[in-house]
Amino acid sequence: MDTQDTPDLQLLRLDHAPALLAFERENRAYFAASIPDRGDAFFAEFDQRFAQLLAWQAAGTDYFHVLVDRRGEVIGRVNLYEVANGSAELGYRIAQKAAGRGLATAAVRTVCDLAAAKYRLTTLRARVRQDNLASRKALEHNGFVSVGELTLNDKPALSYICELERQGQGV
């Protein structure tokens, strides 16, 4: 992949709102095939929901990241939520038109590095449906290990955990 085509991972900001809403609308059916649909209320109440995300981020309970291409379009999300006691839940989604290019693997790697160095986390958790092979590979390539089974969206799923390595004491 040409570095000029490599999207930029950015911490969610107020000015991302229009591009994020477009991303969610454009990919709604694609995402619903593998994760629970956000529902109509998510779109109807997007402005309030977005403001809540920024408030949680400011409070340090969640960190939301977007992958932005050179045109300013959001083509992915990588989020850390339920941040507490040195751990967080990892969630991510990549636009259908950007899938299959290794973006999830690269973005998860970057967020794992941020989680350890900037957010001072030691453990990340993730959940993925068993039939979502690409997402499972993205996790496994980044050191996540399957630790159990569960059900997501009425389908068999796996629970993953990753113990992060701290990069330096002064970071």
Protein backbone atom coordinates (compact mmCIF):
# COMPACT_ATOMS: atom_id res chain seq x y z
CA MET A 1 0.00 0.00 0.00
CA ASP A 2 1.36 3.44 -0.95
CA THR A 3 2.08 5.56 2.15
CA GLN A 4 0.16 8.39 0.51
CA ASP A 5 -2.89 6.10 0.66
CA THR A 6 -2.31 5.17 4.31
CA PRO A 7 -5.08 6.67 6.42
CA ASP A 8 -4.29 8.78 9.45
CA LEU A 9 -5.46 7.55 12.88
CA GLN A 10 -6.87 10.53 14.76
CA LEU A 11 -8.39 10.94 18.19
CA LEU A 12 -12.07 11.81 17.74
CA ARG A 13 -12.76 15.57 17.54
CA LEU A 14 -15.89 17.66 17.13
CA ASP A 15 -15.10 18.38 13.47
CA HIS A 16 -15.18 14.62 12.68
CA ALA A 17 -18.97 14.47 13.25
CA PRO A 18 -20.18 14.87 9.63
CA ALA A 19 -17.64 12.39 8.21
CA LEU A 20 -18.33 9.90 11.01
CA LEU A 21 -22.07 10.04 10.45
CA ALA A 22 -21.54 9.51 6.70
CA PHE A 23 -19.28 6.52 7.46
CA GLU A 24 -21.87 4.93 9.75
CA ARG A 25 -24.74 5.48 7.27
CA GLU A 26 -22.79 4.24 4.25
CA ASN A 27 -21.66 1.05 6.01
CA ARG A 28 -24.71 0.27 8.14
CA ALA A 29 -25.81 -2.88 6.28
CA TYR A 30 -22.23 -4.08 5.87
CA PHE A 31 -21.55 -3.78 9.61
CA ALA A 32 -24.89 -5.35 10.57
CA ALA A 33 -23.81 -8.55 8.82
CA SER A 34 -21.21 -9.19 11.52
CA ILE A 35 -22.03 -7.02 14.55
CA PRO A 36 -25.30 -5.82 16.09
CA ASP A 37 -26.95 -3.01 14.12
CA ARG A 38 -26.84 0.39 15.82
CA GLY A 39 -30.56 0.87 15.20
CA ASP A 40 -32.50 3.83 13.84
CA ALA A 41 -32.23 5.73 17.14
CA PHE A 42 -28.44 5.94 16.73
CA PHE A 43 -28.87 7.95 13.53
CA ALA A 44 -31.84 10.00 14.75
CA GLU A 45 -29.94 11.00 17.92
CA PHE A 46 -26.46 11.14 16.40
CA ASP A 47 -25.64 14.69 17.57
CA GLN A 48 -26.47 13.90 21.20
CA ARG A 49 -24.63 10.57 21.02
CA PHE A 50 -21.57 12.22 19.48
CA ALA A 51 -21.50 14.86 22.23
CA GLN A 52 -21.65 12.05 24.82
CA LEU A 53 -18.70 10.28 23.17
CA LEU A 54 -16.62 13.45 23.39
CA ALA A 55 -17.62 13.92 27.05
CA TRP A 56 -16.60 10.35 27.91
CA GLN A 57 -13.33 10.86 26.09
CA ALA A 58 -12.66 14.10 28.00
CA ALA A 59 -13.35 12.21 31.24
CA GLY A 60 -10.85 9.50 30.28
CA THR A 61 -13.35 6.63 30.38
CA ASP A 62 -13.17 6.04 26.62
CA TYR A 63 -10.86 6.90 23.71
CA PHE A 64 -12.37 7.04 20.23
CA HIS A 65 -10.21 7.06 17.10
CA VAL A 66 -11.07 7.46 13.45
CA LEU A 67 -9.11 6.44 10.37
CA VAL A 68 -9.21 9.38 7.97
CA ASP A 69 -8.09 9.12 4.35
CA ARG A 70 -6.35 11.90 2.45
CA ARG A 71 -9.73 13.27 1.29
CA GLY A 72 -10.88 13.68 4.89
CA GLU A 73 -13.27 10.74 4.69
CA VAL A 74 -13.62 8.46 7.72
CA ILE A 75 -12.91 4.90 6.60
CA GLY A 76 -12.62 3.25 10.00
CA ARG A 77 -12.98 3.47 13.75
CA VAL A 78 -10.89 1.99 16.54
CA ASN A 79 -12.23 2.59 20.01
CA LEU A 80 -11.16 1.87 23.57
CA TYR A 81 -14.09 1.94 25.93
CA GLU A 82 -14.87 1.05 29.52
CA VAL A 83 -11.38 2.20 30.48
CA ALA A 84 -10.74 1.35 34.13
CA ASN A 85 -8.06 -0.22 36.31
CA GLY A 86 -5.51 -0.37 33.50
CA SER A 87 -7.74 -2.16 31.02
CA ALA A 88 -10.26 -1.40 28.29
CA GLU A 89 -12.47 -3.03 25.70
CA LEU A 90 -11.32 -2.67 22.08
CA GLY A 91 -13.78 -2.27 19.24
CA TYR A 92 -13.19 -1.43 15.59
CA ARG A 93 -14.83 -1.31 12.20
CA ILE A 94 -13.48 -0.64 8.73
CA ALA A 95 -15.54 0.66 5.80
CA GLN A 96 -16.59 -1.97 3.27
CA LYS A 97 -14.73 -0.20 0.46
CA ALA A 98 -11.50 -0.22 2.54
CA ALA A 99 -11.74 -3.82 3.79
CA GLY A 100 -9.11 -6.40 2.88
CA ARG A 101 -6.17 -3.96 2.81
CA GLY A 102 -4.78 -4.70 6.27
CA LEU A 103 -6.14 -1.48 7.75
CA ALA A 104 -7.75 -3.15 10.76
CA THR A 105 -4.54 -4.98 11.65
CA ALA A 106 -2.46 -1.80 11.33
CA ALA A 107 -4.98 0.36 13.21
CA VAL A 108 -5.31 -2.15 16.05
CA ARG A 109 -1.50 -2.25 16.31
CA THR A 110 -1.35 1.55 16.53
CA VAL A 111 -4.10 1.72 19.15
CA CYS A 112 -2.43 -1.03 21.20
CA ASP A 113 0.75 1.07 21.19
CA LEU A 114 -1.24 4.17 22.21
CA ALA A 115 -3.06 2.21 24.90
CA ALA A 116 0.22 1.22 26.52
CA ALA A 117 2.28 4.37 26.00
CA LYS A 118 -0.23 7.21 26.16
CA TYR A 119 -3.26 5.86 28.01
CA ARG A 120 -1.13 3.74 30.40
CA LEU A 121 -3.24 0.59 29.92
CA THR A 122 -1.92 -2.91 30.52
CA THR A 123 -4.74 -5.11 29.19
CA LEU A 124 -7.17 -4.94 26.29
CA ARG A 125 -10.23 -7.13 25.77
CA ALA A 126 -12.12 -7.73 22.53
CA ARG A 127 -15.01 -9.84 21.28
CA VAL A 128 -15.56 -11.09 17.75
CA ARG A 129 -17.92 -13.49 16.03
CA GLN A 130 -16.33 -16.79 15.09
CA ASP A 131 -17.35 -16.36 11.45
CA ASN A 132 -15.52 -13.00 11.21
CA LEU A 133 -12.17 -14.48 10.21
CA ALA A 134 -10.65 -11.16 9.10
CA SER A 135 -11.34 -9.54 12.47
CA ARG A 136 -10.03 -12.56 14.36
CA LYS A 137 -6.81 -12.41 12.32
CA ALA A 138 -6.43 -8.68 13.01
CA LEU A 139 -6.58 -9.41 16.73
CA GLU A 140 -4.34 -12.46 16.64
CA HIS A 141 -1.68 -10.66 14.55
CA ASN A 142 -1.54 -8.09 17.36
CA GLY A 143 -1.03 -10.49 20.24
CA PHE A 144 -4.64 -11.08 21.29
CA VAL A 145 -5.35 -14.58 22.59
CA SER A 146 -8.76 -16.25 22.63
CA VAL A 147 -9.85 -16.87 26.22
CA GLY A 148 -13.44 -18.05 25.89
CA GLU A 149 -16.62 -18.39 23.91
CA LEU A 150 -19.77 -16.27 24.02
CA THR A 151 -22.67 -15.20 21.81
CA LEU A 152 -22.78 -11.93 19.82
CA ASN A 153 -25.71 -10.97 17.65
CA ASP A 154 -27.13 -14.49 18.25
CA LYS A 155 -23.98 -16.05 16.75
CA PRO A 156 -21.05 -17.93 18.31
CA ALA A 157 -18.21 -15.58 19.21
CA LEU A 158 -14.85 -15.51 20.94
CA SER A 159 -13.55 -13.37 23.76
CA TYR A 160 -9.94 -12.18 23.40
CA ILE A 161 -7.41 -10.60 25.72
CA CYS A 162 -4.08 -8.89 25.08
CA GLU A 163 -1.48 -8.09 27.72
CA LEU A 164 0.23 -4.90 26.57
CA GLU A 165 3.92 -4.21 26.90
CA ARG A 166 4.73 -0.86 28.45
CA GLN A 167 7.06 1.14 26.26
CA GLY A 168 9.41 2.91 28.59
CA GLN A 169 8.71 4.28 32.01
CA GLY A 170 8.71 7.96 31.05
CA VAL A 171 6.15 7.76 28.26
